[in-house]
Structure formats: structure tokens, C-alpha cells
Amino acid sequence: MKTSPNRIVLLLLASVLLALFGAGCATVRGFGRDVGTAGEHIEDSTR
């Protein structure tokens, strides 16, 4: 199975972002708050 370089870079970037995001949320509750806040910002930007 051949993997393209673009796919490897994308997976690496996604892994790094997930690790950084996960480090910012110490608990599941904190993760829920972060997701909720992100959703609110997205809603506000569409208005």
C-alpha cells in the first residue's frame, strides 16, 4: 500500500493539533466547554 506524502503531512499535522488541543483540556468537561465555545464562535462569525 502506497501512502502519498501529502497524506502523511496531513496526518502528522492532525496528530500535532490533537495533541496540543488535548493538552489544553485537562478533563472531559473542559473538552466539552472548549467544543461549545468553538461552536459559539463559529455561529457568531456566520451572523
PDB file of N, CA and C in Angstrom:
ATOM      1  N   MET A   1       0.847  -1.186   0.000  1.00  0.00           N
ATOM      2  CA  MET A   1       0.000   0.000   0.000  1.00  0.00           C
ATOM      3  C   MET A   1       0.887   1.242   0.000  1.00  0.00           C
ATOM      4  N   LYS A   2       0.704   2.094  -0.978  1.00  0.00           N
ATOM      5  CA  LYS A   2       1.484   3.322  -1.090  1.00  0.00           C
ATOM      6  C   LYS A   2       0.751   4.466  -0.399  1.00  0.00           C
ATOM      7  N   THR A   3       1.483   5.257   0.358  1.00  0.00           N
ATOM      8  CA  THR A   3       0.915   6.420   1.021  1.00  0.00           C
ATOM      9  C   THR A   3       1.550   7.663   0.427  1.00  0.00           C
ATOM     10  N   SER A   4       0.712   8.599   0.021  1.00  0.00           N
ATOM     11  CA  SER A   4       1.238   9.816  -0.590  1.00  0.00           C
ATOM     12  C   SER A   4       1.866  10.718   0.477  1.00  0.00           C
ATOM     13  N   PRO A   5       2.858  11.494   0.100  1.00  0.00           N
ATOM     14  CA  PRO A   5       3.487  12.420   1.054  1.00  0.00           C
ATOM     15  C   PRO A   5       2.493  13.430   1.628  1.00  0.00           C
ATOM     16  N   ASN A   6       1.535  13.860   0.804  1.00  0.00           N
ATOM     17  CA  ASN A   6       0.545  14.823   1.298  1.00  0.00           C
ATOM     18  C   ASN A   6      -0.283  14.220   2.423  1.00  0.00           C
ATOM     19  N   ARG A   7      -0.630  12.965   2.287  1.00  0.00           N
ATOM     20  CA  ARG A   7      -1.428  12.309   3.311  1.00  0.00           C
ATOM     21  C   ARG A   7      -0.639  12.175   4.610  1.00  0.00           C
ATOM     22  N   ILE A   8       0.642  11.870   4.505  1.00  0.00           N
ATOM     23  CA  ILE A   8       1.489  11.755   5.693  1.00  0.00           C
ATOM     24  C   ILE A   8       1.582  13.093   6.410  1.00  0.00           C
ATOM     25  N   VAL A   9       1.778  14.161   5.662  1.00  0.00           N
ATOM     26  CA  VAL A   9       1.859  15.504   6.254  1.00  0.00           C
ATOM     27  C   VAL A   9       0.542  15.866   6.918  1.00  0.00           C
ATOM     28  N   LEU A  10      -0.573  15.567   6.273  1.00  0.00           N
ATOM     29  CA  LEU A  10      -1.888  15.864   6.831  1.00  0.00           C
ATOM     30  C   LEU A  10      -2.116  15.093   8.130  1.00  0.00           C
ATOM     31  N   LEU A  11      -1.779  13.820   8.153  1.00  0.00           N
ATOM     32  CA  LEU A  11      -1.944  13.021   9.368  1.00  0.00           C
ATOM     33  C   LEU A  11      -1.029  13.505  10.487  1.00  0.00           C
ATOM     34  N   LEU A  12       0.178  13.894  10.144  1.00  0.00           N
ATOM     35  CA  LEU A  12       1.105  14.418  11.144  1.00  0.00           C
ATOM     36  C   LEU A  12       0.591  15.727  11.727  1.00  0.00           C
ATOM     37  N   LEU A  13       0.116  16.607  10.872  1.00  0.00           N
ATOM     38  CA  LEU A  13      -0.426  17.886  11.332  1.00  0.00           C
ATOM     39  C   LEU A  13      -1.642  17.669  12.223  1.00  0.00           C
ATOM     40  N   ALA A  14      -2.539  16.774  11.819  1.00  0.00           N
ATOM     41  CA  ALA A  14      -3.727  16.475  12.619  1.00  0.00           C
ATOM     42  C   ALA A  14      -3.331  15.906  13.978  1.00  0.00           C
ATOM     43  N   SER A  15      -2.315  15.060  14.013  1.00  0.00           N
ATOM     44  CA  SER A  15      -1.851  14.479  15.270  1.00  0.00           C
ATOM     45  C   SER A  15      -1.286  15.550  16.203  1.00  0.00           C
ATOM     46  N   VAL A  16      -0.507  16.461  15.643  1.00  0.00           N
ATOM     47  CA  VAL A  16       0.082  17.531  16.455  1.00  0.00           C
ATOM     48  C   VAL A  16      -1.011  18.445  17.009  1.00  0.00           C
ATOM     49  N   LEU A  17      -1.960  18.810  16.162  1.00  0.00           N
ATOM     50  CA  LEU A  17      -3.053  19.674  16.625  1.00  0.00           C
ATOM     51  C   LEU A  17      -3.894  18.989  17.691  1.00  0.00           C
ATOM     52  N   LEU A  18      -4.167  17.712  17.511  1.00  0.00           N
ATOM     53  CA  LEU A  18      -4.932  16.967  18.506  1.00  0.00           C
ATOM     54  C   LEU A  18      -4.181  16.894  19.831  1.00  0.00           C
ATOM     55  N   ALA A  19      -2.876  16.692  19.772  1.00  0.00           N
ATOM     56  CA  ALA A  19      -2.067  16.642  20.991  1.00  0.00           C
ATOM     57  C   ALA A  19      -2.071  17.987  21.708  1.00  0.00           C
ATOM     58  N   LEU A  20      -1.919  19.066  20.958  1.00  0.00           N
ATOM     59  CA  LEU A  20      -1.938  20.396  21.571  1.00  0.00           C
ATOM     60  C   LEU A  20      -3.305  20.723  22.155  1.00  0.00           C
ATOM     61  N   PHE A  21      -4.350  20.379  21.419  1.00  0.00           N
ATOM     62  CA  PHE A  21      -5.707  20.637  21.897  1.00  0.00           C
ATOM     63  C   PHE A  21      -5.994  19.799  23.133  1.00  0.00           C
ATOM     64  N   GLY A  22      -5.557  18.549  23.113  1.00  0.00           N
ATOM     65  CA  GLY A  22      -5.781  17.668  24.261  1.00  0.00           C
ATOM     66  C   GLY A  22      -5.029  18.130  25.492  1.00  0.00           C
ATOM     67  N   ALA A  23      -3.855  18.700  25.309  1.00  0.00           N
ATOM     68  CA  ALA A  23      -3.075  19.198  26.438  1.00  0.00           C
ATOM     69  C   ALA A  23      -3.752  20.415  27.064  1.00  0.00           C
ATOM     70  N   GLY A  24      -4.525  21.146  26.282  1.00  0.00           N
ATOM     71  CA  GLY A  24      -5.205  22.331  26.796  1.00  0.00           C
ATOM     72  C   GLY A  24      -6.437  22.009  27.618  1.00  0.00           C
ATOM     73  N   CYS A  25      -6.964  20.813  27.473  1.00  0.00           N
ATOM     74  CA  CYS A  25      -8.166  20.408  28.202  1.00  0.00           C
ATOM     75  C   CYS A  25      -7.795  19.284  29.159  1.00  0.00           C
ATOM     76  N   ALA A  26      -7.823  19.570  30.440  1.00  0.00           N
ATOM     77  CA  ALA A  26      -7.398  18.570  31.416  1.00  0.00           C
ATOM     78  C   ALA A  26      -8.481  17.526  31.673  1.00  0.00           C
ATOM     79  N   THR A  27      -9.728  17.858  31.427  1.00  0.00           N
ATOM     80  CA  THR A  27     -10.823  16.933  31.739  1.00  0.00           C
ATOM     81  C   THR A  27     -11.786  16.843  30.579  1.00  0.00           C
ATOM     82  N   VAL A  28     -12.666  15.865  30.649  1.00  0.00           N
ATOM     83  CA  VAL A  28     -13.706  15.726  29.630  1.00  0.00           C
ATOM     84  C   VAL A  28     -14.633  16.931  29.678  1.00  0.00           C
ATOM     85  N   ARG A  29     -14.911  17.421  30.859  1.00  0.00           N
ATOM     86  CA  ARG A  29     -15.759  18.608  30.996  1.00  0.00           C
ATOM     87  C   ARG A  29     -15.103  19.807  30.323  1.00  0.00           C
ATOM     88  N   GLY A  30     -13.802  19.949  30.500  1.00  0.00           N
ATOM     89  CA  GLY A  30     -13.071  21.033  29.853  1.00  0.00           C
ATOM     90  C   GLY A  30     -13.114  20.905  28.345  1.00  0.00           C
ATOM     91  N   PHE A  31     -13.032  19.668  27.853  1.00  0.00           N
ATOM     92  CA  PHE A  31     -13.123  19.434  26.418  1.00  0.00           C
ATOM     93  C   PHE A  31     -14.499  19.852  25.905  1.00  0.00           C
ATOM     94  N   GLY A  32     -15.548  19.505  26.645  1.00  0.00           N
ATOM     95  CA  GLY A  32     -16.902  19.892  26.250  1.00  0.00           C
ATOM     96  C   GLY A  32     -17.071  21.401  26.207  1.00  0.00           C
ATOM     97  N   ARG A  33     -16.497  22.076  27.173  1.00  0.00           N
ATOM     98  CA  ARG A  33     -16.574  23.548  27.188  1.00  0.00           C
ATOM     99  C   ARG A  33     -15.840  24.139  25.992  1.00  0.00           C
ATOM    100  N   ASP A  34     -14.674  23.587  25.690  1.00  0.00           N
ATOM    101  CA  ASP A  34     -13.900  24.083  24.550  1.00  0.00           C
ATOM    102  C   ASP A  34     -14.658  23.892  23.242  1.00  0.00           C
ATOM    103  N   VAL A  35     -15.279  22.735  23.082  1.00  0.00           N
ATOM    104  CA  VAL A  35     -16.056  22.471  21.866  1.00  0.00           C
ATOM    105  C   VAL A  35     -17.245  23.415  21.793  1.00  0.00           C
ATOM    106  N   GLY A  36     -17.905  23.625  22.918  1.00  0.00           N
ATOM    107  CA  GLY A  36     -19.040  24.550  22.949  1.00  0.00           C
ATOM    108  C   GLY A  36     -18.637  25.972  22.611  1.00  0.00           C
ATOM    109  N   THR A  37     -17.523  26.407  23.149  1.00  0.00           N
ATOM    110  CA  THR A  37     -17.021  27.747  22.862  1.00  0.00           C
ATOM    111  C   THR A  37     -16.660  27.898  21.389  1.00  0.00           C
ATOM    112  N   ALA A  38     -16.021  26.861  20.851  1.00  0.00           N
ATOM    113  CA  ALA A  38     -15.673  26.902  19.426  1.00  0.00           C
ATOM    114  C   ALA A  38     -16.932  26.988  18.574  1.00  0.00           C
ATOM    115  N   GLY A  39     -17.968  26.234  18.937  1.00  0.00           N
ATOM    116  CA  GLY A  39     -19.232  26.285  18.212  1.00  0.00           C
ATOM    117  C   GLY A  39     -19.873  27.661  18.276  1.00  0.00           C
ATOM    118  N   GLU A  40     -19.809  28.289  19.451  1.00  0.00           N
ATOM    119  CA  GLU A  40     -20.368  29.639  19.591  1.00  0.00           C
ATOM    120  C   GLU A  40     -19.630  30.629  18.694  1.00  0.00           C
ATOM    121  N   HIS A  41     -18.312  30.522  18.635  1.00  0.00           N
ATOM    122  CA  HIS A  41     -17.524  31.421  17.786  1.00  0.00           C
ATOM    123  C   HIS A  41     -17.871  31.218  16.310  1.00  0.00           C
ATOM    124  N   ILE A  42     -18.079  29.978  15.932  1.00  0.00           N
ATOM    125  CA  ILE A  42     -18.450  29.693  14.542  1.00  0.00           C
ATOM    126  C   ILE A  42     -19.817  30.283  14.229  1.00  0.00           C
ATOM    127  N   GLU A  43     -20.771  30.111  15.153  1.00  0.00           N
ATOM    128  CA  GLU A  43     -22.101  30.691  14.966  1.00  0.00           C
ATOM    129  C   GLU A  43     -22.040  32.210  14.855  1.00  0.00           C
ATOM    130  N   ASP A  44     -21.253  32.832  15.733  1.00  0.00           N
ATOM    131  CA  ASP A  44     -21.135  34.292  15.731  1.00  0.00           C
ATOM    132  C   ASP A  44     -20.524  34.793  14.426  1.00  0.00           C
ATOM    133  N   SER A  45     -19.580  34.059  13.878  1.00  0.00           N
ATOM    134  CA  SER A  45     -18.918  34.504  12.662  1.00  0.00           C
ATOM    135  C   SER A  45     -19.815  34.398  11.437  1.00  0.00           C
ATOM    136  N   THR A  46     -20.856  33.566  11.520  1.00  0.00           N
ATOM    137  CA  THR A  46     -21.756  33.417  10.372  1.00  0.00           C
ATOM    138  C   THR A  46     -22.863  34.459  10.362  1.00  0.00           C
ATOM    139  N   ARG A  47     -22.995  35.217  11.426  1.00  0.00           N
ATOM    140  CA  ARG A  47     -24.052  36.233  11.510  1.00  0.00           C
ATOM    141  C   ARG A  47     -23.651  37.517  10.849  1.00  0.00           C
TER     142      ARG A  47
END
